Amino acid sequence: CCKMARSNHSFPYHDVFFQFQILLQVFSQSSLFYFLLQGQICGLCGNYDGNGINDFTTRSLSVVENVLEFGNSWKVSSTCPDANIIKDPCSTNPYRKSWSEKQCSLINSNVFAACHSQVEPAKYYQACVTDACACDSGGDCDCFCTAVAAYAQACSEVGVCIAWRTPSICPLFCDYYNQQGECEWHYKPCGASCMKTCRNPSGKCLHNLPGLEGKKSCKYS
């Protein structure tokens, strides 16, 4: 497992990152997993202690600045060759660059204007462009949407909720095609910090989580 928060560092392990992120999004819905995992894990995605400065901790527990030194320290086998160069995905896939820059400009747009003064968008925009350029074999929209969602979550964590999804931009169809007033699942850009669930019918939590994006049934609205 690795940390729930998205890393904004570009390094040559994109596929590994996305596989891990999907796993942690499932875990992050539970306050139990949230607190059990915090600060108790290690690897390519950091230690999930809320401090991004020490994310580049090597297998020998040294904090380094060089991304290659960090990445190579976590090889499963010593017989695997070291990565020795960081490739810029937009240079490797130049036909993706203009599309990526155009799509990711959403982060710098008025849609997120309320958040810009709270969370600096520049590094999220650059990470979005890098990720979107790297996704050249299918799933291109997923990479873009995941990157924008990371900025939206960072905004949510400082108290700025942004409803950025639309029917044409990273839609979650459960909401857009429900009839008004129907008791169905509805999308919430920033969920409640504590919710009623089948396992928690009282709606009381020992620990509140940051408002997480997701779907919510009107049964518990």
C-alpha atoms as a PDB file:
ATOM      1  CA  CYS A   1       0.000   0.000   0.000  1.00  0.00           C
ATOM      2  CA  CYS A   2       1.066   3.581  -0.375  1.00  0.00           C
ATOM      3  CA  LYS A   3      -0.163   6.998   0.620  1.00  0.00           C
ATOM      4  CA  MET A   4      -3.552   8.351  -0.332  1.00  0.00           C
ATOM      5  CA  ALA A   5      -2.305  11.839  -1.188  1.00  0.00           C
ATOM      6  CA  ARG A   6      -1.013  12.275  -4.692  1.00  0.00           C
ATOM      7  CA  SER A   7       2.688  12.944  -5.165  1.00  0.00           C
ATOM      8  CA  ASN A   8       3.512  15.967  -7.297  1.00  0.00           C
ATOM      9  CA  HIS A   9       7.011  14.760  -8.122  1.00  0.00           C
ATOM     10  CA  SER A  10       7.603  13.483 -11.635  1.00  0.00           C
ATOM     11  CA  PHE A  11       9.624  10.305 -11.813  1.00  0.00           C
ATOM     12  CA  PRO A  12       9.735   7.258 -14.106  1.00  0.00           C
ATOM     13  CA  TYR A  13       7.295   5.057 -12.211  1.00  0.00           C
ATOM     14  CA  HIS A  14       3.956   6.384 -13.503  1.00  0.00           C
ATOM     15  CA  ASP A  15       2.273   2.991 -13.917  1.00  0.00           C
ATOM     16  CA  VAL A  16       3.143   1.956 -10.374  1.00  0.00           C
ATOM     17  CA  PHE A  17       1.718   5.161  -8.958  1.00  0.00           C
ATOM     18  CA  PHE A  18      -1.660   4.866 -10.625  1.00  0.00           C
ATOM     19  CA  GLN A  19      -2.149   1.247  -9.587  1.00  0.00           C
ATOM     20  CA  PHE A  20      -1.431   2.138  -5.967  1.00  0.00           C
ATOM     21  CA  GLN A  21      -3.640   5.213  -5.977  1.00  0.00           C
ATOM     22  CA  ILE A  22      -6.702   3.202  -7.001  1.00  0.00           C
ATOM     23  CA  LEU A  23      -6.097   0.859  -4.069  1.00  0.00           C
ATOM     24  CA  LEU A  24      -5.810   3.654  -1.518  1.00  0.00           C
ATOM     25  CA  GLN A  25      -8.905   5.436  -2.725  1.00  0.00           C
ATOM     26  CA  VAL A  26     -10.831   2.380  -1.548  1.00  0.00           C
ATOM     27  CA  PHE A  27      -9.078   2.346   1.818  1.00  0.00           C
ATOM     28  CA  SER A  28      -9.501   6.079   2.318  1.00  0.00           C
ATOM     29  CA  GLN A  29     -13.271   5.754   2.663  1.00  0.00           C
ATOM     30  CA  SER A  30     -12.811   4.157   6.080  1.00  0.00           C
ATOM     31  CA  SER A  31     -11.581   6.111   9.089  1.00  0.00           C
ATOM     32  CA  LEU A  32     -10.197   2.835  10.469  1.00  0.00           C
ATOM     33  CA  PHE A  33      -7.846   2.340   7.525  1.00  0.00           C
ATOM     34  CA  TYR A  34      -7.083   6.056   7.430  1.00  0.00           C
ATOM     35  CA  PHE A  35      -5.626   6.055  10.928  1.00  0.00           C
ATOM     36  CA  LEU A  36      -4.145   2.557  10.909  1.00  0.00           C
ATOM     37  CA  LEU A  37      -2.103   3.267   7.776  1.00  0.00           C
ATOM     38  CA  GLN A  38      -1.003   6.809   8.586  1.00  0.00           C
ATOM     39  CA  GLY A  39       2.759   6.881   9.063  1.00  0.00           C
ATOM     40  CA  GLN A  40       2.949   3.077   9.008  1.00  0.00           C
ATOM     41  CA  ILE A  41       3.857   2.466   5.380  1.00  0.00           C
ATOM     42  CA  CYS A  42       6.803   3.063   3.087  1.00  0.00           C
ATOM     43  CA  GLY A  43       7.848   2.786  -0.535  1.00  0.00           C
ATOM     44  CA  LEU A  44       7.591   4.672  -3.798  1.00  0.00           C
ATOM     45  CA  CYS A  45       4.558   6.668  -2.686  1.00  0.00           C
ATOM     46  CA  GLY A  46       5.949   7.870   0.633  1.00  0.00           C
ATOM     47  CA  ASN A  47       5.018   7.086   4.228  1.00  0.00           C
ATOM     48  CA  TYR A  48       1.610   8.804   4.431  1.00  0.00           C
ATOM     49  CA  ASP A  49       2.485  10.863   7.486  1.00  0.00           C
ATOM     50  CA  GLY A  50       1.120  14.131   6.116  1.00  0.00           C
ATOM     51  CA  ASN A  51       4.613  15.529   5.519  1.00  0.00           C
ATOM     52  CA  GLY A  52       5.513  15.681   1.835  1.00  0.00           C
ATOM     53  CA  ILE A  53       9.091  16.751   2.603  1.00  0.00           C
ATOM     54  CA  ASN A  54      10.156  13.259   3.672  1.00  0.00           C
ATOM     55  CA  ASP A  55       8.383  11.334   0.915  1.00  0.00           C
ATOM     56  CA  PHE A  56      11.690  10.517  -0.793  1.00  0.00           C
ATOM     57  CA  THR A  57      12.766   8.139   1.986  1.00  0.00           C
ATOM     58  CA  THR A  58      14.891   5.294   0.661  1.00  0.00           C
ATOM     59  CA  ARG A  59      14.783   1.659   1.659  1.00  0.00           C
ATOM     60  CA  SER A  60      17.657   2.405   4.070  1.00  0.00           C
ATOM     61  CA  LEU A  61      15.516   5.179   5.664  1.00  0.00           C
ATOM     62  CA  SER A  62      17.610   8.034   4.292  1.00  0.00           C
ATOM     63  CA  VAL A  63      15.754  11.098   3.015  1.00  0.00           C
ATOM     64  CA  VAL A  64      17.199  12.095  -0.362  1.00  0.00           C
ATOM     65  CA  GLU A  65      16.480  14.745  -2.981  1.00  0.00           C
ATOM     66  CA  ASN A  66      17.509  12.804  -6.063  1.00  0.00           C
ATOM     67  CA  VAL A  67      14.477  11.061  -7.516  1.00  0.00           C
ATOM     68  CA  LEU A  68      16.528   8.354  -9.225  1.00  0.00           C
ATOM     69  CA  GLU A  69      18.379   7.485  -6.042  1.00  0.00           C
ATOM     70  CA  PHE A  70      15.044   7.261  -4.253  1.00  0.00           C
ATOM     71  CA  GLY A  71      13.336   5.165  -6.923  1.00  0.00           C
ATOM     72  CA  ASN A  72      16.240   2.785  -7.422  1.00  0.00           C
ATOM     73  CA  SER A  73      16.451   2.099  -3.691  1.00  0.00           C
ATOM     74  CA  TRP A  74      13.036   0.427  -3.814  1.00  0.00           C
ATOM     75  CA  LYS A  75      13.835  -2.128  -6.508  1.00  0.00           C
ATOM     76  CA  VAL A  76      12.380  -5.523  -5.665  1.00  0.00           C
ATOM     77  CA  SER A  77      15.490  -7.311  -6.896  1.00  0.00           C
ATOM     78  CA  SER A  78      19.102  -6.161  -6.996  1.00  0.00           C
ATOM     79  CA  THR A  79      19.373  -7.775 -10.434  1.00  0.00           C
ATOM     80  CA  CYS A  80      16.989  -5.174 -11.869  1.00  0.00           C
ATOM     81  CA  PRO A  81      18.935  -2.451 -13.697  1.00  0.00           C
ATOM     82  CA  ASP A  82      18.910   1.033 -12.224  1.00  0.00           C
ATOM     83  CA  ALA A  83      16.849   3.728 -13.874  1.00  0.00           C
ATOM     84  CA  ASN A  84      19.442   6.270 -14.981  1.00  0.00           C
ATOM     85  CA  ILE A  85      17.472   8.939 -16.776  1.00  0.00           C
ATOM     86  CA  ILE A  86      14.212  10.776 -16.203  1.00  0.00           C
ATOM     87  CA  LYS A  87      12.315  11.029 -19.452  1.00  0.00           C
ATOM     88  CA  ASP A  88       9.982  13.946 -20.008  1.00  0.00           C
ATOM     89  CA  PRO A  89       6.721  12.333 -21.180  1.00  0.00           C
ATOM     90  CA  CYS A  90       5.801  15.391 -23.243  1.00  0.00           C
ATOM     91  CA  SER A  91       9.101  15.120 -25.126  1.00  0.00           C
ATOM     92  CA  THR A  92       8.696  11.385 -25.567  1.00  0.00           C
ATOM     93  CA  ASN A  93       5.100  11.825 -26.759  1.00  0.00           C
ATOM     94  CA  PRO A  94       5.122  15.312 -28.332  1.00  0.00           C
ATOM     95  CA  TYR A  95       1.749  14.725 -29.991  1.00  0.00           C
ATOM     96  CA  ARG A  96       0.211  14.649 -26.491  1.00  0.00           C
ATOM     97  CA  LYS A  97       1.614  17.964 -25.291  1.00  0.00           C
ATOM     98  CA  SER A  98      -0.881  20.473 -26.704  1.00  0.00           C
ATOM     99  CA  TRP A  99      -3.857  18.323 -25.677  1.00  0.00           C
ATOM    100  CA  SER A 100      -2.455  17.906 -22.169  1.00  0.00           C
ATOM    101  CA  GLU A 101      -1.746  21.608 -21.709  1.00  0.00           C
ATOM    102  CA  LYS A 102      -5.208  22.549 -22.934  1.00  0.00           C
ATOM    103  CA  GLN A 103      -7.015  20.043 -20.726  1.00  0.00           C
ATOM    104  CA  CYS A 104      -4.935  20.748 -17.625  1.00  0.00           C
ATOM    105  CA  SER A 105      -5.457  24.504 -17.961  1.00  0.00           C
ATOM    106  CA  LEU A 106      -8.694  23.794 -16.086  1.00  0.00           C
ATOM    107  CA  ILE A 107      -6.601  23.907 -12.903  1.00  0.00           C
ATOM    108  CA  ASN A 108      -5.540  27.492 -13.657  1.00  0.00           C
ATOM    109  CA  SER A 109      -8.999  28.583 -14.805  1.00  0.00           C
ATOM    110  CA  ASN A 110     -11.786  30.451 -13.037  1.00  0.00           C
ATOM    111  CA  VAL A 111     -13.313  27.119 -12.080  1.00  0.00           C
ATOM    112  CA  PHE A 112     -10.700  26.861  -9.331  1.00  0.00           C
ATOM    113  CA  ALA A 113     -10.326  30.615  -8.730  1.00  0.00           C
ATOM    114  CA  ALA A 114     -11.575  30.372  -5.138  1.00  0.00           C
ATOM    115  CA  CYS A 115      -8.775  27.946  -4.332  1.00  0.00           C
ATOM    116  CA  HIS A 116      -5.812  29.575  -6.067  1.00  0.00           C
ATOM    117  CA  SER A 117      -4.937  31.783  -3.100  1.00  0.00           C
ATOM    118  CA  GLN A 118      -5.143  28.825  -0.721  1.00  0.00           C
ATOM    119  CA  VAL A 119      -3.347  26.112  -2.702  1.00  0.00           C
ATOM    120  CA  GLU A 120      -0.734  27.125  -5.271  1.00  0.00           C
ATOM    121  CA  PRO A 121      -1.888  25.558  -8.564  1.00  0.00           C
ATOM    122  CA  ALA A 122       1.404  25.652 -10.509  1.00  0.00           C
ATOM    123  CA  LYS A 123       2.831  22.320  -9.359  1.00  0.00           C
ATOM    124  CA  TYR A 124      -0.532  20.599  -9.792  1.00  0.00           C
ATOM    125  CA  TYR A 125      -0.848  21.965 -13.317  1.00  0.00           C
ATOM    126  CA  GLN A 126       2.636  20.761 -14.236  1.00  0.00           C
ATOM    127  CA  ALA A 127       2.000  17.343 -12.698  1.00  0.00           C
ATOM    128  CA  CYS A 128      -1.256  17.147 -14.661  1.00  0.00           C
ATOM    129  CA  VAL A 129       0.493  17.928 -17.953  1.00  0.00           C
ATOM    130  CA  THR A 130       3.222  15.385 -17.224  1.00  0.00           C
ATOM    131  CA  ASP A 131       0.747  12.643 -16.325  1.00  0.00           C
ATOM    132  CA  ALA A 132      -1.529  13.375 -19.280  1.00  0.00           C
ATOM    133  CA  CYS A 133       1.424  13.273 -21.680  1.00  0.00           C
ATOM    134  CA  ALA A 134       2.549   9.954 -20.215  1.00  0.00           C
ATOM    135  CA  CYS A 135      -0.803   8.235 -20.801  1.00  0.00           C
ATOM    136  CA  ASP A 136      -0.376   7.394 -24.466  1.00  0.00           C
ATOM    137  CA  SER A 137      -1.750   3.858 -24.559  1.00  0.00           C
ATOM    138  CA  GLY A 138      -5.338   4.270 -23.414  1.00  0.00           C
ATOM    139  CA  GLY A 139      -6.799   5.742 -20.257  1.00  0.00           C
ATOM    140  CA  ASP A 140      -5.699   9.234 -21.237  1.00  0.00           C
ATOM    141  CA  CYS A 141      -8.758  10.863 -19.727  1.00  0.00           C
ATOM    142  CA  ASP A 142      -8.288   8.884 -16.520  1.00  0.00           C
ATOM    143  CA  CYS A 143      -4.796  10.323 -16.069  1.00  0.00           C
ATOM    144  CA  PHE A 144      -6.042  13.856 -16.662  1.00  0.00           C
ATOM    145  CA  CYS A 145      -9.063  13.433 -14.402  1.00  0.00           C
ATOM    146  CA  THR A 146      -7.000  11.894 -11.605  1.00  0.00           C
ATOM    147  CA  ALA A 147      -4.566  14.814 -11.728  1.00  0.00           C
ATOM    148  CA  VAL A 148      -7.317  17.440 -11.553  1.00  0.00           C
ATOM    149  CA  ALA A 149      -9.053  15.502  -8.783  1.00  0.00           C
ATOM    150  CA  ALA A 150      -5.814  15.667  -6.774  1.00  0.00           C
ATOM    151  CA  TYR A 151      -5.908  19.472  -6.888  1.00  0.00           C
ATOM    152  CA  ALA A 152      -9.611  19.508  -6.040  1.00  0.00           C
ATOM    153  CA  GLN A 153      -8.916  17.303  -3.013  1.00  0.00           C
ATOM    154  CA  ALA A 154      -6.095  19.598  -1.885  1.00  0.00           C
ATOM    155  CA  CYS A 155      -8.557  22.489  -2.101  1.00  0.00           C
ATOM    156  CA  SER A 156     -11.137  20.543  -0.121  1.00  0.00           C
ATOM    157  CA  GLU A 157      -8.607  19.882   2.629  1.00  0.00           C
ATOM    158  CA  VAL A 158      -8.182  23.634   3.199  1.00  0.00           C
ATOM    159  CA  GLY A 159     -11.929  24.204   3.218  1.00  0.00           C
ATOM    160  CA  VAL A 160     -12.509  25.184  -0.419  1.00  0.00           C
ATOM    161  CA  CYS A 161     -14.987  22.894  -2.163  1.00  0.00           C
ATOM    162  CA  ILE A 162     -14.861  23.008  -5.966  1.00  0.00           C
ATOM    163  CA  ALA A 163     -17.558  21.377  -8.094  1.00  0.00           C
ATOM    164  CA  TRP A 164     -15.418  20.986 -11.209  1.00  0.00           C
ATOM    165  CA  ARG A 165     -16.856  17.926 -12.938  1.00  0.00           C
ATOM    166  CA  THR A 166     -19.383  18.403 -15.746  1.00  0.00           C
ATOM    167  CA  PRO A 167     -21.108  16.063 -18.226  1.00  0.00           C
ATOM    168  CA  SER A 168     -18.211  16.747 -20.629  1.00  0.00           C
ATOM    169  CA  ILE A 169     -15.299  16.959 -18.157  1.00  0.00           C
ATOM    170  CA  CYS A 170     -14.568  13.828 -16.132  1.00  0.00           C
ATOM    171  CA  PRO A 171     -18.269  13.089 -15.489  1.00  0.00           C
ATOM    172  CA  LEU A 172     -19.651  10.731 -12.891  1.00  0.00           C
ATOM    173  CA  PHE A 173     -22.805   9.596 -14.604  1.00  0.00           C
ATOM    174  CA  CYS A 174     -24.643   8.475 -11.492  1.00  0.00           C
ATOM    175  CA  ASP A 175     -25.621  12.086 -10.900  1.00  0.00           C
ATOM    176  CA  TYR A 176     -26.209  13.553 -14.338  1.00  0.00           C
ATOM    177  CA  TYR A 177     -28.746  10.932 -15.424  1.00  0.00           C
ATOM    178  CA  ASN A 178     -30.782  10.607 -12.246  1.00  0.00           C
ATOM    179  CA  GLN A 179     -34.235  12.127 -12.342  1.00  0.00           C
ATOM    180  CA  GLN A 180     -34.844  14.996  -9.950  1.00  0.00           C
ATOM    181  CA  GLY A 181     -36.106  13.677  -6.634  1.00  0.00           C
ATOM    182  CA  GLU A 182     -35.223  10.049  -7.313  1.00  0.00           C
ATOM    183  CA  CYS A 183     -33.617   8.158  -4.468  1.00  0.00           C
ATOM    184  CA  GLU A 184     -30.416   7.204  -6.249  1.00  0.00           C
ATOM    185  CA  TRP A 185     -26.707   7.691  -5.765  1.00  0.00           C
ATOM    186  CA  HIS A 186     -25.624  11.296  -6.156  1.00  0.00           C
ATOM    187  CA  TYR A 187     -22.169  12.746  -6.658  1.00  0.00           C
ATOM    188  CA  LYS A 188     -20.763  15.071  -3.998  1.00  0.00           C
ATOM    189  CA  PRO A 189     -17.600  17.071  -4.792  1.00  0.00           C
ATOM    190  CA  CYS A 190     -16.813  17.251  -1.076  1.00  0.00           C
ATOM    191  CA  GLY A 191     -18.434  14.628   1.085  1.00  0.00           C
ATOM    192  CA  ALA A 192     -19.217  14.883   4.763  1.00  0.00           C
ATOM    193  CA  SER A 193     -16.390  14.253   7.223  1.00  0.00           C
ATOM    194  CA  CYS A 194     -18.557  11.599   8.875  1.00  0.00           C
ATOM    195  CA  MET A 195     -21.419   9.756   7.204  1.00  0.00           C
ATOM    196  CA  LYS A 196     -24.106   7.230   8.004  1.00  0.00           C
ATOM    197  CA  THR A 197     -23.276   3.912   6.377  1.00  0.00           C
ATOM    198  CA  CYS A 198     -24.404   0.311   6.692  1.00  0.00           C
ATOM    199  CA  ARG A 199     -21.602  -0.260   9.195  1.00  0.00           C
ATOM    200  CA  ASN A 200     -22.112   3.086  10.892  1.00  0.00           C
ATOM    201  CA  PRO A 201     -25.893   3.653  11.009  1.00  0.00           C
ATOM    202  CA  SER A 202     -25.587   6.205  13.825  1.00  0.00           C
ATOM    203  CA  GLY A 203     -23.485   8.552  11.712  1.00  0.00           C
ATOM    204  CA  LYS A 204     -21.065   9.109  14.599  1.00  0.00           C
ATOM    205  CA  CYS A 205     -17.324   8.775  13.978  1.00  0.00           C
ATOM    206  CA  LEU A 206     -14.354   8.589  16.311  1.00  0.00           C
ATOM    207  CA  HIS A 207     -12.276  10.516  13.799  1.00  0.00           C
ATOM    208  CA  ASN A 208     -13.485  12.869  11.093  1.00  0.00           C
ATOM    209  CA  LEU A 209     -11.895  12.681   7.663  1.00  0.00           C
ATOM    210  CA  PRO A 210     -11.354  15.478   5.154  1.00  0.00           C
ATOM    211  CA  GLY A 211     -14.413  15.759   2.911  1.00  0.00           C
ATOM    212  CA  LEU A 212     -13.785  13.124   0.256  1.00  0.00           C
ATOM    213  CA  GLU A 213     -15.150  13.279  -3.263  1.00  0.00           C
ATOM    214  CA  GLY A 214     -17.553  10.499  -4.121  1.00  0.00           C
ATOM    215  CA  LYS A 215     -21.076   9.186  -4.422  1.00  0.00           C
ATOM    216  CA  LYS A 216     -23.695   9.392  -1.735  1.00  0.00           C
ATOM    217  CA  SER A 217     -27.156   7.883  -1.520  1.00  0.00           C
ATOM    218  CA  CYS A 218     -30.066  10.232  -0.875  1.00  0.00           C
ATOM    219  CA  LYS A 219     -31.147   7.684   1.713  1.00  0.00           C
ATOM    220  CA  TYR A 220     -28.505   9.191   3.968  1.00  0.00           C
ATOM    221  CA  SER A 221     -28.721  12.812   2.765  1.00  0.00           C
END
